[in-house]
Each structure stands twice: as structure tokens, then as C-alpha cells.
Amino acid sequence: MKKDIHPKYYPEAVVSCACGNKIKAGSTKESMQVEICSACHPFFTGTKKIIDTAGRVEKFQAKRAKAKKS
């Protein structure tokens, strides 16, 4: 293997989220800034919101219920 071609690896790199959560992870960057993490993402927190402006969710649920009956 060639010497000095790989980037420096930081086993204790700090990942900072916009919500204030800090995570230690291995990376080739010493620190990173992210907008969303598992502590504030709706999928992981269970606080998901459905934004429906045209009634598409209800339309889909009605189709699904109709298909189950058939």
C-alpha cells in the first residue's frame, strides 16, 4: 500500500446538531455541523407531522380502505 495517500482519521470526531446534541463518531473530519440528527428527527422522536394542502392523504387512505375491502 502507498504511504501518505489516506486522509487523517479522527476516532473521536464531534458531530454537532442544530438542536444542540453532540455525537462522537469516527471521521476524516475533526468536527462537523448537521441540521438534523436522531435526537430531533421526527422519524426517531415519533412526532411526525403530515402536511396536507390538497387532501391527498385522505384520498390515499380512502383508496387504501377501498382496496382492503375488495
PDB file of N, CA and C in Angstrom:
ATOM      1  N   MET A   1       0.838  -1.171   0.000  1.00  0.00           N
ATOM      2  CA  MET A   1       0.000   0.000   0.000  1.00  0.00           C
ATOM      3  C   MET A   1       0.894   1.250   0.000  1.00  0.00           C
ATOM      4  N   LYS A   2       0.459   2.277  -0.708  1.00  0.00           N
ATOM      5  CA  LYS A   2       1.238   3.514  -0.773  1.00  0.00           C
ATOM      6  C   LYS A   2       1.129   4.288   0.533  1.00  0.00           C
ATOM      7  N   LYS A   3       2.202   4.956   0.894  1.00  0.00           N
ATOM      8  CA  LYS A   3       2.210   5.754   2.119  1.00  0.00           C
ATOM      9  C   LYS A   3       1.682   7.162   1.840  1.00  0.00           C
ATOM     10  N   ASP A   4       1.097   7.754   2.851  1.00  0.00           N
ATOM     11  CA  ASP A   4       0.657   9.153   2.845  1.00  0.00           C
ATOM     12  C   ASP A   4      -0.376   9.494   1.768  1.00  0.00           C
ATOM     13  N   ILE A   5      -1.242   8.558   1.398  1.00  0.00           N
ATOM     14  CA  ILE A   5      -2.301   8.891   0.438  1.00  0.00           C
ATOM     15  C   ILE A   5      -3.671   8.940   1.120  1.00  0.00           C
ATOM     16  N   HIS A   6      -3.754   8.394   2.327  1.00  0.00           N
ATOM     17  CA  HIS A   6      -5.029   8.360   3.034  1.00  0.00           C
ATOM     18  C   HIS A   6      -5.174   9.585   3.930  1.00  0.00           C
ATOM     19  N   PRO A   7      -6.415  10.107   4.059  1.00  0.00           N
ATOM     20  CA  PRO A   7      -6.619  11.263   4.948  1.00  0.00           C
ATOM     21  C   PRO A   7      -6.475  10.847   6.409  1.00  0.00           C
ATOM     22  N   LYS A   8      -6.209  11.808   7.263  1.00  0.00           N
ATOM     23  CA  LYS A   8      -6.078  11.551   8.698  1.00  0.00           C
ATOM     24  C   LYS A   8      -7.440  11.147   9.253  1.00  0.00           C
ATOM     25  N   TYR A   9      -7.461  10.124  10.085  1.00  0.00           N
ATOM     26  CA  TYR A   9      -8.690   9.609  10.685  1.00  0.00           C
ATOM     27  C   TYR A   9      -8.792  10.080  12.122  1.00  0.00           C
ATOM     28  N   TYR A  10      -9.936  10.652  12.474  1.00  0.00           N
ATOM     29  CA  TYR A  10     -10.192  11.127  13.835  1.00  0.00           C
ATOM     30  C   TYR A  10     -11.212  10.189  14.489  1.00  0.00           C
ATOM     31  N   PRO A  11     -10.802   9.321  15.398  1.00  0.00           N
ATOM     32  CA  PRO A  11     -11.742   8.381  16.020  1.00  0.00           C
ATOM     33  C   PRO A  11     -12.725   9.062  16.983  1.00  0.00           C
ATOM     34  N   GLU A  12     -12.411  10.249  17.452  1.00  0.00           N
ATOM     35  CA  GLU A  12     -13.278  10.974  18.386  1.00  0.00           C
ATOM     36  C   GLU A  12     -13.771  12.283  17.763  1.00  0.00           C
ATOM     37  N   ALA A  13     -14.177  12.256  16.506  1.00  0.00           N
ATOM     38  CA  ALA A  13     -14.685  13.459  15.840  1.00  0.00           C
ATOM     39  C   ALA A  13     -16.023  13.850  16.461  1.00  0.00           C
ATOM     40  N   VAL A  14     -16.298  15.139  16.553  1.00  0.00           N
ATOM     41  CA  VAL A  14     -17.524  15.643  17.167  1.00  0.00           C
ATOM     42  C   VAL A  14     -18.482  16.096  16.067  1.00  0.00           C
ATOM     43  N   VAL A  15     -19.707  15.549  16.112  1.00  0.00           N
ATOM     44  CA  VAL A  15     -20.773  15.944  15.189  1.00  0.00           C
ATOM     45  C   VAL A  15     -21.759  16.775  15.996  1.00  0.00           C
ATOM     46  N   SER A  16     -21.916  18.057  15.635  1.00  0.00           N
ATOM     47  CA  SER A  16     -22.806  18.966  16.356  1.00  0.00           C
ATOM     48  C   SER A  16     -24.074  19.189  15.548  1.00  0.00           C
ATOM     49  N   CYS A  17     -25.212  19.012  16.201  1.00  0.00           N
ATOM     50  CA  CYS A  17     -26.510  19.211  15.545  1.00  0.00           C
ATOM     51  C   CYS A  17     -27.035  20.611  15.872  1.00  0.00           C
ATOM     52  N   ALA A  18     -27.940  21.108  15.047  1.00  0.00           N
ATOM     53  CA  ALA A  18     -28.547  22.416  15.271  1.00  0.00           C
ATOM     54  C   ALA A  18     -29.386  22.434  16.555  1.00  0.00           C
ATOM     55  N   CYS A  19     -29.872  21.261  16.986  1.00  0.00           N
ATOM     56  CA  CYS A  19     -30.679  21.199  18.210  1.00  0.00           C
ATOM     57  C   CYS A  19     -29.817  21.247  19.471  1.00  0.00           C
ATOM     58  N   GLY A  20     -28.489  21.172  19.317  1.00  0.00           N
ATOM     59  CA  GLY A  20     -27.588  21.227  20.461  1.00  0.00           C
ATOM     60  C   GLY A  20     -26.996  19.883  20.839  1.00  0.00           C
ATOM     61  N   ASN A  21     -27.463  18.820  20.225  1.00  0.00           N
ATOM     62  CA  ASN A  21     -26.949  17.485  20.505  1.00  0.00           C
ATOM     63  C   ASN A  21     -25.547  17.320  19.922  1.00  0.00           C
ATOM     64  N   LYS A  22     -24.659  16.702  20.665  1.00  0.00           N
ATOM     65  CA  LYS A  22     -23.291  16.442  20.197  1.00  0.00           C
ATOM     66  C   LYS A  22     -23.059  14.935  20.218  1.00  0.00           C
ATOM     67  N   ILE A  23     -22.517  14.408  19.125  1.00  0.00           N
ATOM     68  CA  ILE A  23     -22.270  12.985  18.981  1.00  0.00           C
ATOM     69  C   ILE A  23     -20.804  12.792  18.645  1.00  0.00           C
ATOM     70  N   LYS A  24     -20.177  11.800  19.251  1.00  0.00           N
ATOM     71  CA  LYS A  24     -18.797  11.462  18.908  1.00  0.00           C
ATOM     72  C   LYS A  24     -18.836  10.296  17.927  1.00  0.00           C
ATOM     73  N   ALA A  25     -18.089  10.439  16.837  1.00  0.00           N
ATOM     74  CA  ALA A  25     -18.052   9.410  15.809  1.00  0.00           C
ATOM     75  C   ALA A  25     -16.692   9.432  15.132  1.00  0.00           C
ATOM     76  N   GLY A  26     -16.351   8.366  14.459  1.00  0.00           N
ATOM     77  CA  GLY A  26     -15.110   8.323  13.699  1.00  0.00           C
ATOM     78  C   GLY A  26     -15.307   8.958  12.344  1.00  0.00           C
ATOM     79  N   SER A  27     -14.360   9.810  11.932  1.00  0.00           N
ATOM     80  CA  SER A  27     -14.490  10.511  10.661  1.00  0.00           C
ATOM     81  C   SER A  27     -13.132  11.000  10.191  1.00  0.00           C
ATOM     82  N   THR A  28     -13.098  11.423   8.943  1.00  0.00           N
ATOM     83  CA  THR A  28     -11.879  12.029   8.414  1.00  0.00           C
ATOM     84  C   THR A  28     -11.879  13.534   8.630  1.00  0.00           C
ATOM     85  N   LYS A  29     -12.969  14.073   9.194  1.00  0.00           N
ATOM     86  CA  LYS A  29     -13.036  15.483   9.578  1.00  0.00           C
ATOM     87  C   LYS A  29     -13.045  15.556  11.092  1.00  0.00           C
ATOM     88  N   GLU A  30     -12.410  16.565  11.637  1.00  0.00           N
ATOM     89  CA  GLU A  30     -12.311  16.684  13.094  1.00  0.00           C
ATOM     90  C   GLU A  30     -13.643  17.065  13.741  1.00  0.00           C
ATOM     91  N   SER A  31     -14.424  17.893  13.048  1.00  0.00           N
ATOM     92  CA  SER A  31     -15.747  18.260  13.555  1.00  0.00           C
ATOM     93  C   SER A  31     -16.673  18.540  12.383  1.00  0.00           C
ATOM     94  N   MET A  32     -17.975  18.322  12.605  1.00  0.00           N
ATOM     95  CA  MET A  32     -18.990  18.528  11.568  1.00  0.00           C
ATOM     96  C   MET A  32     -20.214  19.193  12.172  1.00  0.00           C
ATOM     97  N   GLN A  33     -20.920  19.949  11.356  1.00  0.00           N
ATOM     98  CA  GLN A  33     -22.175  20.583  11.736  1.00  0.00           C
ATOM     99  C   GLN A  33     -23.290  19.974  10.891  1.00  0.00           C
ATOM    100  N   VAL A  34     -24.359  19.499  11.532  1.00  0.00           N
ATOM    101  CA  VAL A  34     -25.506  18.956  10.818  1.00  0.00           C
ATOM    102  C   VAL A  34     -26.766  19.689  11.261  1.00  0.00           C
ATOM    103  N   GLU A  35     -27.783  19.677  10.421  1.00  0.00           N
ATOM    104  CA  GLU A  35     -29.025  20.377  10.736  1.00  0.00           C
ATOM    105  C   GLU A  35     -29.997  19.511  11.534  1.00  0.00           C
ATOM    106  N   ILE A  36     -29.930  18.201  11.343  1.00  0.00           N
ATOM    107  CA  ILE A  36     -30.893  17.312  11.989  1.00  0.00           C
ATOM    108  C   ILE A  36     -30.189  16.012  12.378  1.00  0.00           C
ATOM    109  N   CYS A  37     -30.574  15.457  13.515  1.00  0.00           N
ATOM    110  CA  CYS A  37     -29.965  14.213  13.997  1.00  0.00           C
ATOM    111  C   CYS A  37     -31.062  13.293  14.529  1.00  0.00           C
ATOM    112  N   SER A  38     -30.663  12.152  15.061  1.00  0.00           N
ATOM    113  CA  SER A  38     -31.645  11.191  15.570  1.00  0.00           C
ATOM    114  C   SER A  38     -32.361  11.698  16.818  1.00  0.00           C
ATOM    115  N   ALA A  39     -31.809  12.693  17.496  1.00  0.00           N
ATOM    116  CA  ALA A  39     -32.449  13.235  18.693  1.00  0.00           C
ATOM    117  C   ALA A  39     -33.584  14.201  18.352  1.00  0.00           C
ATOM    118  N   CYS A  40     -33.557  14.782  17.143  1.00  0.00           N
ATOM    119  CA  CYS A  40     -34.587  15.765  16.804  1.00  0.00           C
ATOM    120  C   CYS A  40     -35.357  15.417  15.520  1.00  0.00           C
ATOM    121  N   HIS A  41     -34.994  14.336  14.827  1.00  0.00           N
ATOM    122  CA  HIS A  41     -35.690  13.968  13.595  1.00  0.00           C
ATOM    123  C   HIS A  41     -37.058  13.376  13.930  1.00  0.00           C
ATOM    124  N   PRO A  42     -38.114  13.792  13.255  1.00  0.00           N
ATOM    125  CA  PRO A  42     -39.465  13.310  13.568  1.00  0.00           C
ATOM    126  C   PRO A  42     -39.625  11.794  13.482  1.00  0.00           C
ATOM    127  N   PHE A  43     -38.888  11.122  12.608  1.00  0.00           N
ATOM    128  CA  PHE A  43     -38.996   9.674  12.498  1.00  0.00           C
ATOM    129  C   PHE A  43     -38.564   8.985  13.786  1.00  0.00           C
ATOM    130  N   PHE A  44     -37.510   9.487  14.419  1.00  0.00           N
ATOM    131  CA  PHE A  44     -36.987   8.876  15.637  1.00  0.00           C
ATOM    132  C   PHE A  44     -37.711   9.349  16.886  1.00  0.00           C
ATOM    133  N   THR A  45     -38.244  10.566  16.878  1.00  0.00           N
ATOM    134  CA  THR A  45     -38.908  11.093  18.071  1.00  0.00           C
ATOM    135  C   THR A  45     -40.387  10.725  18.123  1.00  0.00           C
ATOM    136  N   GLY A  46     -40.971  10.328  17.003  1.00  0.00           N
ATOM    137  CA  GLY A  46     -42.383   9.949  16.968  1.00  0.00           C
ATOM    138  C   GLY A  46     -43.317  11.134  16.894  1.00  0.00           C
ATOM    139  N   THR A  47     -42.817  12.296  16.533  1.00  0.00           N
ATOM    140  CA  THR A  47     -43.648  13.493  16.445  1.00  0.00           C
ATOM    141  C   THR A  47     -43.807  13.935  14.991  1.00  0.00           C
ATOM    142  N   LYS A  48     -44.045  12.959  14.128  1.00  0.00           N
ATOM    143  CA  LYS A  48     -44.137  13.318  12.713  1.00  0.00           C
ATOM    144  C   LYS A  48     -45.420  14.098  12.451  1.00  0.00           C
ATOM    145  N   LYS A  49     -45.338  15.010  11.507  1.00  0.00           N
ATOM    146  CA  LYS A  49     -46.473  15.832  11.115  1.00  0.00           C
ATOM    147  C   LYS A  49     -46.739  15.603   9.638  1.00  0.00           C
ATOM    148  N   ILE A  50     -47.988  15.444   9.285  1.00  0.00           N
ATOM    149  CA  ILE A  50     -48.351  15.296   7.885  1.00  0.00           C
ATOM    150  C   ILE A  50     -48.891  16.635   7.417  1.00  0.00           C
ATOM    151  N   ILE A  51     -48.188  17.227   6.478  1.00  0.00           N
ATOM    152  CA  ILE A  51     -48.625  18.499   5.912  1.00  0.00           C
ATOM    153  C   ILE A  51     -49.394  18.183   4.643  1.00  0.00           C
ATOM    154  N   ASP A  52     -50.682  18.440   4.664  1.00  0.00           N
ATOM    155  CA  ASP A  52     -51.545  18.087   3.543  1.00  0.00           C
ATOM    156  C   ASP A  52     -52.350  19.307   3.130  1.00  0.00           C
ATOM    157  N   THR A  53     -52.059  19.823   1.954  1.00  0.00           N
ATOM    158  CA  THR A  53     -52.756  21.012   1.498  1.00  0.00           C
ATOM    159  C   THR A  53     -53.860  20.704   0.500  1.00  0.00           C
ATOM    160  N   ALA A  54     -53.789  19.565  -0.144  1.00  0.00           N
ATOM    161  CA  ALA A  54     -54.776  19.272  -1.187  1.00  0.00           C
ATOM    162  C   ALA A  54     -55.646  18.062  -0.856  1.00  0.00           C
ATOM    163  N   GLY A  55     -55.610  17.575   0.387  1.00  0.00           N
ATOM    164  CA  GLY A  55     -56.426  16.432   0.771  1.00  0.00           C
ATOM    165  C   GLY A  55     -55.907  15.120   0.216  1.00  0.00           C
ATOM    166  N   ARG A  56     -54.636  15.062  -0.119  1.00  0.00           N
ATOM    167  CA  ARG A  56     -54.077  13.862  -0.739  1.00  0.00           C
ATOM    168  C   ARG A  56     -53.953  12.704   0.239  1.00  0.00           C
ATOM    169  N   VAL A  57     -53.696  13.004   1.500  1.00  0.00           N
ATOM    170  CA  VAL A  57     -53.559  11.938   2.489  1.00  0.00           C
ATOM    171  C   VAL A  57     -54.904  11.240   2.674  1.00  0.00           C
ATOM    172  N   GLU A  58     -55.960  11.998   2.827  1.00  0.00           N
ATOM    173  CA  GLU A  58     -57.291  11.412   2.993  1.00  0.00           C
ATOM    174  C   GLU A  58     -57.692  10.630   1.746  1.00  0.00           C
ATOM    175  N   LYS A  59     -57.355  11.154   0.588  1.00  0.00           N
ATOM    176  CA  LYS A  59     -57.654  10.484  -0.674  1.00  0.00           C
ATOM    177  C   LYS A  59     -56.942   9.127  -0.738  1.00  0.00           C
ATOM    178  N   PHE A  60     -55.673   9.115  -0.346  1.00  0.00           N
ATOM    179  CA  PHE A  60     -54.900   7.873  -0.338  1.00  0.00           C
ATOM    180  C   PHE A  60     -55.475   6.877   0.666  1.00  0.00           C
ATOM    181  N   GLN A  61     -55.818   7.359   1.857  1.00  0.00           N
ATOM    182  CA  GLN A  61     -56.359   6.469   2.875  1.00  0.00           C
ATOM    183  C   GLN A  61     -57.707   5.891   2.444  1.00  0.00           C
ATOM    184  N   ALA A  62     -58.505   6.665   1.746  1.00  0.00           N
ATOM    185  CA  ALA A  62     -59.783   6.162   1.236  1.00  0.00           C
ATOM    186  C   ALA A  62     -59.553   5.082   0.185  1.00  0.00           C
ATOM    187  N   LYS A  63     -58.602   5.292  -0.713  1.00  0.00           N
ATOM    188  CA  LYS A  63     -58.283   4.277  -1.723  1.00  0.00           C
ATOM    189  C   LYS A  63     -57.784   2.999  -1.062  1.00  0.00           C
ATOM    190  N   ARG A  64     -56.955   3.162  -0.052  1.00  0.00           N
ATOM    191  CA  ARG A  64     -56.400   2.008   0.646  1.00  0.00           C
ATOM    192  C   ARG A  64     -57.485   1.212   1.359  1.00  0.00           C
ATOM    193  N   ALA A  65     -58.421   1.910   2.006  1.00  0.00           N
ATOM    194  CA  ALA A  65     -59.510   1.244   2.696  1.00  0.00           C
ATOM    195  C   ALA A  65     -60.411   0.513   1.696  1.00  0.00           C
ATOM    196  N   LYS A  66     -60.635   1.126   0.544  1.00  0.00           N
ATOM    197  CA  LYS A  66     -61.456   0.506  -0.510  1.00  0.00           C
ATOM    198  C   LYS A  66     -60.780  -0.745  -1.052  1.00  0.00           C
ATOM    199  N   ALA A  67     -59.474  -0.690  -1.214  1.00  0.00           N
ATOM    200  CA  ALA A  67     -58.721  -1.850  -1.731  1.00  0.00           C
ATOM    201  C   ALA A  67     -58.735  -3.000  -0.722  1.00  0.00           C
ATOM    202  N   LYS A  68     -58.703  -2.695   0.557  1.00  0.00           N
ATOM    203  CA  LYS A  68     -58.724  -3.745   1.585  1.00  0.00           C
ATOM    204  C   LYS A  68     -60.063  -4.467   1.596  1.00  0.00           C
ATOM    205  N   LYS A  69     -61.151  -3.755   1.322  1.00  0.00           N
ATOM    206  CA  LYS A  69     -62.494  -4.345   1.321  1.00  0.00           C
ATOM    207  C   LYS A  69     -62.674  -5.293   0.146  1.00  0.00           C
ATOM    208  N   SER A  70     -62.017  -5.002  -0.956  1.00  0.00           N
ATOM    209  CA  SER A  70     -62.176  -5.821  -2.175  1.00  0.00           C
ATOM    210  C   SER A  70     -61.449  -7.130  -2.092  1.00  0.00           C
TER     211      SER A  70
END
